């Protein structure tokens, strides 16, 4: 049934605002936008929902959004989460225009809590990098930050800048961006390693040490790890309070050698409860390899090795669905 404008205006007489808000939150974004035009009441109820999470992909929508928030401070103040999908390196003109939209809109988004920036290809223009750094500096209230597809290190001009994000709790980015960020109490960090990051492993985890607190359980995820030994060594020495450790690797030594190295490193952790280790080229672990990890770290509550998982229940180890391990260990995908 399609309601008329008169019917929409009569709804507030039948339903309290709280119920209307629940209904609007479940509606498609196109309907939320239409409802904003029904009446002042619907605009006041729908606008905070419609603008709370902004996800931009096309250049036209990004430009329109930039114009909107620059001309309407009230709407700009409603935005809490901002996702931008940047054009790739082969589209230099579009990328530059898009980064300009980012720079312009950053002046208006005064209450931003989460930012996701994804570049389709690596940017090489220093001005674009600097605009990204400037955007982040303008938003010290960010609690979640996800940077993906950008260069694995910022350009010299932006790399020297320190970006204070005192409220940051969730960070997903290339490792070499870590030293540019100043945070206090990170709860989760997810790193995407690159071939040429080996020499910076220790510096990166030393920087992360300053961004965490020993009384705050840390989830530390490492993806595309080529040098697993160096990463595990550095995490165990600099972040011993890690509660959840994920190691997704490739080009690693054989599983039995990795197990031996983990056996030496795991005792350094003071509160490691969840461990996940995976490499697509490894064989199915043997019973001996399975038991080594649990013996090396008595504090473990559950761990996953390849596509098998175990959980301690009443002091006894039991098999656990490996597909459910992410949710148990706090490794499920997080969104803005």
Protein backbone atom coordinates (compact mmCIF):
# COMPACT_ATOMS: atom_id res chain seq x y z
CA UNK A 1 0.00 0.00 0.00
CA UNK A 2 1.27 3.46 -0.92
CA UNK A 3 0.53 6.19 1.59
CA UNK A 4 -0.40 9.68 0.52
CA UNK A 5 1.34 12.78 1.86
CA UNK A 6 -1.71 13.45 4.03
CA UNK A 7 -1.46 9.96 5.51
CA UNK A 8 2.24 10.46 6.28
CA UNK A 9 1.43 13.68 8.10
CA UNK A 10 -1.21 11.91 10.18
CA UNK A 11 1.16 9.16 11.35
CA UNK A 12 2.57 11.18 14.31
CA UNK A 13 -0.93 11.25 15.78
CA UNK A 14 -0.97 7.45 15.89
CA UNK A 15 2.62 6.59 16.79
CA UNK A 16 5.17 8.07 19.23
CA UNK A 17 8.40 9.45 17.77
CA UNK A 18 10.42 6.52 19.15
CA UNK A 19 8.38 4.01 17.11
CA UNK A 20 8.60 6.16 13.98
CA UNK A 21 12.38 6.33 14.42
CA UNK A 22 12.61 2.54 14.64
CA UNK A 23 10.60 2.19 11.44
CA UNK A 24 12.71 4.77 9.61
CA UNK A 25 15.94 3.03 10.64
CA UNK A 26 14.71 -0.18 8.99
CA UNK A 27 13.70 1.57 5.77
CA UNK A 28 15.91 1.79 2.63
CA UNK A 29 17.99 4.94 2.37
CA UNK A 30 15.98 6.11 -0.64
CA UNK A 31 12.81 5.99 1.49
CA UNK A 32 14.57 7.80 4.32
CA UNK A 33 15.48 10.60 1.91
CA UNK A 34 11.86 10.79 0.69
CA UNK A 35 10.54 10.92 4.25
CA UNK A 36 12.77 13.92 4.98
CA UNK A 37 10.64 15.88 2.53
CA UNK A 38 7.25 14.96 4.01
CA UNK A 39 7.15 17.41 6.91
CA UNK A 40 9.35 19.24 9.37
CA UNK A 41 8.75 16.51 11.96
CA UNK A 42 9.80 13.76 9.56
CA UNK A 43 12.82 15.80 8.48
CA UNK A 44 13.89 16.21 12.10
CA UNK A 45 13.43 12.47 12.78
CA UNK A 46 14.89 11.14 9.53
CA UNK A 47 17.86 13.43 8.88
CA UNK A 48 20.01 12.14 11.79
CA UNK A 49 19.42 8.58 10.54
CA UNK A 50 20.03 9.38 6.87
CA UNK A 51 23.24 11.34 7.43
CA UNK A 52 24.73 9.39 10.33
CA UNK A 53 26.54 6.95 8.01
CA UNK A 54 27.71 8.34 4.65
CA UNK A 55 29.22 5.98 2.07
CA UNK A 56 30.47 7.63 -1.15
CA UNK A 57 31.70 5.86 -4.25
CA UNK A 58 30.88 7.84 -7.39
CA UNK A 59 32.50 11.19 -8.07
CA UNK A 60 29.14 12.83 -8.66
CA UNK A 61 27.75 11.72 -5.30
CA UNK A 62 30.94 12.82 -3.55
CA UNK A 63 30.78 16.27 -5.11
CA UNK A 64 27.08 16.62 -4.25
CA UNK A 65 27.74 15.56 -0.68
CA UNK A 66 30.62 18.02 -0.36
CA UNK A 67 28.42 20.85 -1.57
CA UNK A 68 25.62 19.81 0.81
CA UNK A 69 27.66 19.69 4.00
CA UNK A 70 29.53 22.89 3.16
CA UNK A 71 26.26 24.76 2.70
CA UNK A 72 24.39 23.20 5.64
CA UNK A 73 26.28 23.02 8.92
CA UNK A 74 23.33 21.35 10.67
CA UNK A 75 23.41 18.36 8.30
CA UNK A 76 27.20 18.18 8.45
CA UNK A 77 26.98 17.92 12.23
CA UNK A 78 24.86 14.77 11.93
CA UNK A 79 27.55 12.75 10.14
CA UNK A 80 29.32 10.26 12.43
CA UNK A 81 30.72 7.75 9.92
CA UNK A 82 32.28 8.74 6.57
CA UNK A 83 33.38 6.22 3.94
CA UNK A 84 35.09 7.32 0.73
CA UNK A 85 36.09 5.04 -2.15
CA UNK A 86 38.76 6.88 -4.12
CA UNK A 87 39.52 6.39 -7.83
CA UNK A 88 42.68 4.54 -8.70
CA UNK A 89 46.11 5.73 -9.70
CA UNK A 90 45.20 5.47 -13.38
CA UNK A 91 42.55 8.12 -12.93
CA UNK A 92 44.75 10.91 -11.67
CA UNK A 93 42.37 13.76 -12.47
CA UNK A 94 39.42 12.08 -10.75
CA UNK A 95 41.55 11.15 -7.76
CA UNK A 96 42.72 14.72 -7.34
CA UNK A 97 39.16 16.05 -7.53
CA UNK A 98 38.03 13.41 -5.07
CA UNK A 99 40.77 14.28 -2.62
CA UNK A 100 39.71 17.93 -2.93
CA UNK A 101 36.16 16.93 -1.96
CA UNK A 102 37.68 15.14 1.03
CA UNK A 103 39.61 18.26 1.99
CA UNK A 104 36.55 20.52 1.62
CA UNK A 105 34.12 18.29 3.48
CA UNK A 106 36.58 17.76 6.33
CA UNK A 107 36.07 21.37 7.35
CA UNK A 108 32.38 20.74 7.98
CA UNK A 109 32.29 17.25 9.55
CA UNK A 110 32.90 18.41 13.09
CA UNK A 111 31.49 15.35 14.92
CA UNK A 112 33.02 12.52 12.91
CA UNK A 113 33.70 9.27 14.81
CA UNK A 114 34.70 6.83 12.03
CA UNK A 115 36.44 7.14 8.67
CA UNK A 116 37.03 4.59 5.92
CA UNK A 117 39.24 5.52 2.96
CA UNK A 118 39.73 2.99 0.19
CA UNK A 119 41.81 3.78 -2.89
CA UNK A 120 41.44 1.61 -5.98
CA UNK A 121 45.15 1.47 -6.68
CA UNK A 122 48.06 3.30 -5.05
CA UNK A 123 48.12 7.06 -5.10
CA UNK A 124 51.39 8.65 -6.09
CA UNK A 125 50.51 12.32 -5.88
CA UNK A 126 51.97 14.03 -2.81
CA UNK A 127 49.13 16.54 -2.69
CA UNK A 128 46.60 13.73 -2.31
CA UNK A 129 48.56 12.18 0.57
CA UNK A 130 48.79 15.52 2.31
CA UNK A 131 45.05 16.04 1.98
CA UNK A 132 44.43 12.68 3.60
CA UNK A 133 46.77 13.59 6.48
CA UNK A 134 45.09 17.00 6.83
CA UNK A 135 41.68 15.38 6.91
CA UNK A 136 42.71 13.08 9.76
CA UNK A 137 44.32 15.93 11.72
CA UNK A 138 41.02 17.81 11.56
CA UNK A 139 39.20 14.92 13.23
CA UNK A 140 40.86 14.04 16.55
CA UNK A 141 37.56 12.55 17.73
CA UNK A 142 37.83 9.55 15.41
CA UNK A 143 37.23 6.23 17.18
CA UNK A 144 37.53 4.00 14.09
CA UNK A 145 39.93 4.44 11.18
CA UNK A 146 40.30 2.18 8.16
CA UNK A 147 42.79 3.10 5.43
CA UNK A 148 43.15 0.65 2.57
CA UNK A 149 44.76 0.75 -0.86
CA UNK A 150 46.86 3.84 -0.18
CA UNK A 151 50.66 3.75 -0.44
CA UNK A 152 52.27 1.63 2.27
CA UNK A 153 53.97 4.75 3.52
CA UNK A 154 53.03 8.40 3.30
CA UNK A 155 55.05 10.85 1.24
CA UNK A 156 57.95 12.62 2.98
CA UNK A 157 55.95 15.79 3.60
CA UNK A 158 52.98 14.00 5.20
CA UNK A 159 55.01 11.24 6.86
CA UNK A 160 56.71 13.82 9.09
CA UNK A 161 53.31 14.94 10.38
CA UNK A 162 51.95 13.50 13.61
CA UNK A 163 48.20 12.84 13.58
CA UNK A 164 46.72 13.03 17.11
CA UNK A 165 43.75 10.67 17.52
CA UNK A 166 43.34 10.36 21.30
CA UNK A 167 39.94 8.60 21.09
CA UNK A 168 41.00 6.06 18.46
CA UNK A 169 40.08 2.48 19.42
CA UNK A 170 39.97 0.55 16.12
CA UNK A 171 42.66 0.92 13.46
CA UNK A 172 43.08 -0.93 10.15
CA UNK A 173 45.87 0.26 7.86
CA UNK A 174 49.21 -0.48 6.16
CA UNK A 175 51.87 -0.86 8.91
CA UNK A 176 54.10 2.02 7.82
CA UNK A 177 51.34 4.54 8.51
CA UNK A 178 51.38 3.56 12.21
CA UNK A 179 54.29 5.85 13.26
CA UNK A 180 52.38 8.89 11.94
CA UNK A 181 49.44 8.29 14.28
CA UNK A 182 49.32 9.27 17.94
CA UNK A 183 46.75 7.30 19.94
CA UNK A 184 46.40 6.31 23.59
CA UNK A 185 44.21 3.26 24.14
CA UNK A 186 43.83 1.16 21.02
CA UNK A 187 41.59 -1.88 21.39
CA UNK A 188 42.03 -3.40 17.95
CA UNK A 189 44.62 -3.07 15.22
CA UNK A 190 44.63 -4.86 11.88
CA UNK A 191 47.75 -4.62 9.73
CA UNK A 192 48.15 -5.48 6.05
CA UNK A 193 51.82 -6.29 5.54
CA UNK A 194 53.78 -5.71 2.35
CA UNK A 195 56.92 -7.30 0.91
CA UNK A 196 59.18 -4.39 1.84
CA UNK A 197 58.03 -3.93 5.46
CA UNK A 198 60.57 -6.30 7.04
CA UNK A 199 63.04 -3.61 8.11
CA UNK A 200 60.27 -1.66 9.83
CA UNK A 201 58.66 -4.46 11.86
CA UNK A 202 60.27 -3.50 15.18
CA UNK A 203 59.69 0.24 14.70
CA UNK A 204 56.02 -0.39 13.93
CA UNK A 205 55.36 -2.44 17.05
CA UNK A 206 57.35 -0.04 19.22
CA UNK A 207 55.04 2.71 17.91
CA UNK A 208 52.00 0.54 18.62
CA UNK A 209 53.23 -0.04 22.16
CA UNK A 210 52.91 3.69 22.80
CA UNK A 211 49.36 3.62 21.40
CA UNK A 212 48.06 0.91 23.74
CA UNK A 213 47.55 0.50 27.48
CA UNK A 214 48.41 -2.62 29.44
CA UNK A 215 44.99 -2.59 31.14
CA UNK A 216 43.12 -2.55 27.81
CA UNK A 217 42.86 -5.98 26.10
CA UNK A 218 44.24 -5.73 22.58
CA UNK A 219 43.19 -7.55 19.42
CA UNK A 220 46.19 -7.67 17.06
CA UNK A 221 45.56 -9.00 13.54
CA UNK A 222 48.31 -9.47 10.98
CA UNK A 223 47.42 -10.23 7.38
CA UNK A 224 49.65 -11.23 4.45
CA UNK A 225 52.62 -11.81 6.75
CA UNK A 226 55.73 -12.96 4.85
CA UNK A 227 58.10 -12.85 7.84
CA UNK A 228 56.09 -14.45 10.61
CA UNK A 229 59.04 -14.97 12.97
CA UNK A 230 59.89 -11.27 13.11
CA UNK A 231 56.27 -10.25 13.64
CA UNK A 232 55.65 -12.75 16.44
CA UNK A 233 58.92 -11.84 18.17
CA UNK A 234 58.15 -8.14 18.10
CA UNK A 235 54.53 -8.50 19.21
CA UNK A 236 55.50 -10.73 22.14
CA UNK A 237 58.14 -8.24 23.33
CA UNK A 238 56.29 -4.96 22.74
CA UNK A 239 52.65 -5.97 23.18
CA UNK A 240 52.68 -8.80 25.75
CA UNK A 241 49.21 -7.75 26.97
CA UNK A 242 47.67 -8.79 23.62
CA UNK A 243 44.50 -10.77 24.26
CA UNK A 244 43.83 -11.96 20.69
CA UNK A 245 46.59 -12.59 18.14
CA UNK A 246 45.87 -13.41 14.51
CA UNK A 247 48.62 -14.48 12.10
CA UNK A 248 47.57 -15.03 8.49
CA UNK A 249 50.74 -15.69 6.53
CA UNK A 250 52.14 -16.85 3.24
CA UNK A 251 55.66 -17.76 2.10
CA UNK A 252 56.23 -18.99 5.66
CA UNK A 253 58.46 -21.87 6.81
CA UNK A 254 56.91 -25.31 7.27
CA UNK A 255 54.25 -25.61 9.95
CA UNK A 256 56.38 -27.70 12.32
CA UNK A 257 59.10 -25.01 12.30
CA UNK A 258 56.56 -22.27 12.92
CA UNK A 259 55.11 -24.24 15.82
CA UNK A 260 58.59 -24.50 17.32
CA UNK A 261 59.11 -20.75 17.06
CA UNK A 262 55.69 -20.01 18.55
CA UNK A 263 56.54 -22.32 21.45
CA UNK A 264 59.44 -20.02 22.36
CA UNK A 265 57.48 -16.76 21.95
CA UNK A 266 54.09 -17.55 23.51
CA UNK A 267 55.33 -17.63 27.14
CA UNK A 268 56.15 -13.89 26.86
CA UNK A 269 52.45 -13.01 26.56
CA UNK A 270 50.80 -12.13 29.85
CA UNK A 271 47.15 -12.52 28.88
CA UNK A 272 46.88 -14.18 25.50
CA UNK A 273 43.45 -15.83 25.39
CA UNK A 274 42.87 -16.37 21.65
CA UNK A 275 45.34 -17.37 18.93
CA UNK A 276 44.73 -17.92 15.22
CA UNK A 277 47.47 -19.14 12.86
CA UNK A 278 46.82 -19.84 9.18
CA UNK A 279 48.68 -20.46 5.94
CA UNK A 280 46.94 -21.92 2.91
CA UNK A 281 50.00 -24.01 1.95
CA UNK A 282 50.38 -25.86 5.26
CA UNK A 283 49.26 -29.43 5.81
CA UNK A 284 46.77 -30.50 8.45
CA UNK A 285 48.47 -30.14 11.86
CA UNK A 286 49.48 -33.28 13.74
CA UNK A 287 48.27 -34.05 17.24
CA UNK A 288 51.71 -33.16 18.61
CA UNK A 289 51.67 -29.76 16.87
CA UNK A 290 48.18 -29.14 18.21
CA UNK A 291 49.21 -29.82 21.81
CA UNK A 292 52.41 -27.74 21.67
CA UNK A 293 50.56 -24.42 21.44
CA UNK A 294 48.22 -25.08 24.36
CA UNK A 295 51.12 -26.23 26.53
CA UNK A 296 53.24 -23.19 25.66
CA UNK A 297 50.54 -20.74 26.72
CA UNK A 298 48.42 -21.99 29.65
CA UNK A 299 46.30 -18.80 29.57
CA UNK A 300 44.85 -19.74 26.17
CA UNK A 301 41.07 -20.09 26.15
CA UNK A 302 40.77 -21.05 22.48
CA UNK A 303 42.93 -21.26 19.38
CA UNK A 304 42.66 -21.98 15.68
CA UNK A 305 45.32 -23.74 13.63
CA UNK A 306 44.59 -23.94 9.93
CA UNK A 307 40.94 -24.95 9.56
CA UNK A 308 40.67 -26.56 12.97
CA UNK A 309 39.87 -24.95 16.31
CA UNK A 310 39.71 -25.86 19.98
CA UNK A 311 38.23 -24.27 23.09
CA UNK A 312 38.91 -24.94 26.75
CA UNK A 313 35.75 -25.85 28.66
CA UNK A 314 35.96 -26.55 32.40
CA UNK A 315 39.69 -27.06 32.07
CA UNK A 316 39.37 -29.57 29.22
CA UNK A 317 40.13 -28.94 25.55
CA UNK A 318 37.31 -29.61 23.12
CA UNK A 319 37.04 -29.19 19.35
CA UNK A 320 35.28 -26.02 18.29
CA UNK A 321 33.78 -24.98 14.92
CA UNK A 322 36.60 -23.12 13.19
CA UNK A 323 34.10 -20.95 11.31
CA UNK A 324 32.79 -19.62 14.65
CA UNK A 325 36.22 -18.77 16.02
CA UNK A 326 36.27 -15.18 14.70
CA UNK A 327 33.15 -14.26 16.65
CA UNK A 328 34.49 -15.95 19.80
CA UNK A 329 37.84 -14.17 19.61
CA UNK A 330 36.53 -10.75 18.55
CA UNK A 331 37.97 -11.09 15.04
CA UNK A 332 34.72 -10.71 13.14
CA UNK A 333 34.75 -8.09 10.40
CA UNK A 334 34.03 -4.65 11.76
CA UNK A 335 32.25 -1.93 9.89
CA UNK A 336 32.04 1.77 10.36
